[in-house]
Each structure stands twice: as structure tokens, then as C-alpha cells.
C-alpha atoms as a PDB file:
ATOM      1  CA  MET A   1     192.795 216.114  70.421  1.00  0.00           C
ATOM      2  CA  LYS A   2     190.527 216.901  67.493  1.00  0.00           C
ATOM      3  CA  ILE A   3     191.339 219.723  65.172  1.00  0.00           C
ATOM      4  CA  ARG A   4     188.269 221.675  64.180  1.00  0.00           C
ATOM      5  CA  HIS A   5     188.165 223.922  61.195  1.00  0.00           C
ATOM      6  CA  ARG A   6     185.998 226.964  61.721  1.00  0.00           C
ATOM      7  CA  GLU A   7     185.087 229.327  58.973  1.00  0.00           C
ATOM      8  CA  PRO A   8     185.860 232.954  59.767  1.00  0.00           C
ATOM      9  CA  TYR A   9     182.632 234.473  61.061  1.00  0.00           C
ATOM     10  CA  LYS A  10     182.922 237.854  59.323  1.00  0.00           C
ATOM     11  CA  PRO A  11     182.341 236.683  55.738  1.00  0.00           C
ATOM     12  CA  LEU A  12     179.567 234.372  56.910  1.00  0.00           C
ATOM     13  CA  ARG A  13     177.792 237.220  58.688  1.00  0.00           C
ATOM     14  CA  ILE A  14     178.307 239.624  55.808  1.00  0.00           C
ATOM     15  CA  SER A  15     176.699 237.215  53.368  1.00  0.00           C
ATOM     16  CA  ALA A  16     173.816 236.458  55.765  1.00  0.00           C
ATOM     17  CA  TYR A  17     172.796 240.031  56.604  1.00  0.00           C
ATOM     18  CA  PRO A  18     170.640 242.116  54.281  1.00  0.00           C
ATOM     19  CA  SER A  19     172.504 244.775  52.326  1.00  0.00           C
ATOM     20  CA  VAL A  20     173.366 247.975  54.165  1.00  0.00           C
ATOM     21  CA  GLY A  21     171.017 249.862  51.834  1.00  0.00           C
ATOM     22  CA  ASP A  22     168.119 247.571  52.738  1.00  0.00           C
ATOM     23  CA  GLN A  23     168.899 247.962  56.438  1.00  0.00           C
ATOM     24  CA  LEU A  24     168.971 251.758  56.137  1.00  0.00           C
ATOM     25  CA  ASP A  25     165.671 251.717  54.239  1.00  0.00           C
ATOM     26  CA  VAL A  26     164.063 249.824  57.124  1.00  0.00           C
ATOM     27  CA  LEU A  27     165.440 252.366  59.608  1.00  0.00           C
ATOM     28  CA  VAL A  28     164.045 255.273  57.572  1.00  0.00           C
ATOM     29  CA  LYS A  29     160.648 253.563  57.467  1.00  0.00           C
ATOM     30  CA  LEU A  30     160.784 252.958  61.228  1.00  0.00           C
ATOM     31  CA  ALA A  31     161.686 256.580  61.957  1.00  0.00           C
ATOM     32  CA  ALA A  32     158.966 257.854  59.607  1.00  0.00           C
ATOM     33  CA  SER A  33     156.424 255.575  61.297  1.00  0.00           C
ATOM     34  CA  LEU A  34     157.377 256.914  64.717  1.00  0.00           C
ATOM     35  CA  ARG A  35     157.093 260.485  63.393  1.00  0.00           C
ATOM     36  CA  ASP A  36     153.675 259.705  61.893  1.00  0.00           C
ATOM     37  CA  GLN A  37     152.517 258.358  65.282  1.00  0.00           C
ATOM     38  CA  GLY A  38     153.325 261.725  66.827  1.00  0.00           C
ATOM     39  CA  ILE A  39     156.456 260.622  68.632  1.00  0.00           C
ATOM     40  CA  VAL A  40     158.863 263.526  69.001  1.00  0.00           C
ATOM     41  CA  LEU A  41     162.112 262.824  67.197  1.00  0.00           C
ATOM     42  CA  PRO A  42     165.312 264.876  67.171  1.00  0.00           C
ATOM     43  CA  ALA A  43     165.552 267.528  64.463  1.00  0.00           C
ATOM     44  CA  ASP A  44     168.435 265.784  62.714  1.00  0.00           C
ATOM     45  CA  VAL A  45     166.412 262.566  62.459  1.00  0.00           C
ATOM     46  CA  LEU A  46     163.478 264.474  60.976  1.00  0.00           C
ATOM     47  CA  ALA A  47     165.834 266.124  58.473  1.00  0.00           C
ATOM     48  CA  TRP A  48     167.248 262.704  57.565  1.00  0.00           C
ATOM     49  CA  ILE A  49     163.752 261.305  56.967  1.00  0.00           C
ATOM     50  CA  ASP A  50     162.845 264.302  54.796  1.00  0.00           C
ATOM     51  CA  GLN A  51     166.046 263.993  52.783  1.00  0.00           C
ATOM     52  CA  CYS A  52     165.484 260.281  52.159  1.00  0.00           C
ATOM     53  CA  GLU A  53     161.854 260.865  51.175  1.00  0.00           C
ATOM     54  CA  GLN A  54     162.924 263.594  48.731  1.00  0.00           C
ATOM     55  CA  VAL A  55     165.395 261.220  47.083  1.00  0.00           C
ATOM     56  CA  LYS A  56     162.675 258.578  46.734  1.00  0.00           C
ATOM     57  CA  ARG A  57     160.300 261.123  45.186  1.00  0.00           C
ATOM     58  CA  ARG A  58     162.965 262.345  42.731  1.00  0.00           C
ATOM     59  CA  HIS A  59     163.971 258.813  41.773  1.00  0.00           C
ATOM     60  CA  PRO A  60     160.887 256.557  42.071  1.00  0.00           C
ATOM     61  CA  LYS A  61     160.978 252.839  41.425  1.00  0.00           C
ATOM     62  CA  ASN A  62     159.857 251.976  37.926  1.00  0.00           C
END
């Protein structure tokens, strides 16, 4: 019988995924794109998009 060492998957996945902030940014962009295409989104999603866009306007990238 061979003994196989396997790395725990959680740290490997954590290091492989984009940061949570980057993932959320992509979701905001997706939701805003759907809104801009005229797709009806729930009110709380629209409020979330607006809030995120306000933050980006108040604190632009340099």
C-alpha cells in the first residue's frame, strides 16, 4: 500500500482564487451591465450597484 500525501485543498484554493474584492467588483460590473441592457433587477441589487458606483466616484483610482 502506497501512502500518498495530499495537500489540504482549502489553502490551495484560497491562494488560487482572485481576491474577494476582485470577485465582488466583477459581480458589480455584471449586475450593472445587465441593468444597462434593460434587464429588470431587484431593487436591492439596484441599490447595491448605486452604492458601489458612489464609492468609486468618491474614491477614484489615481
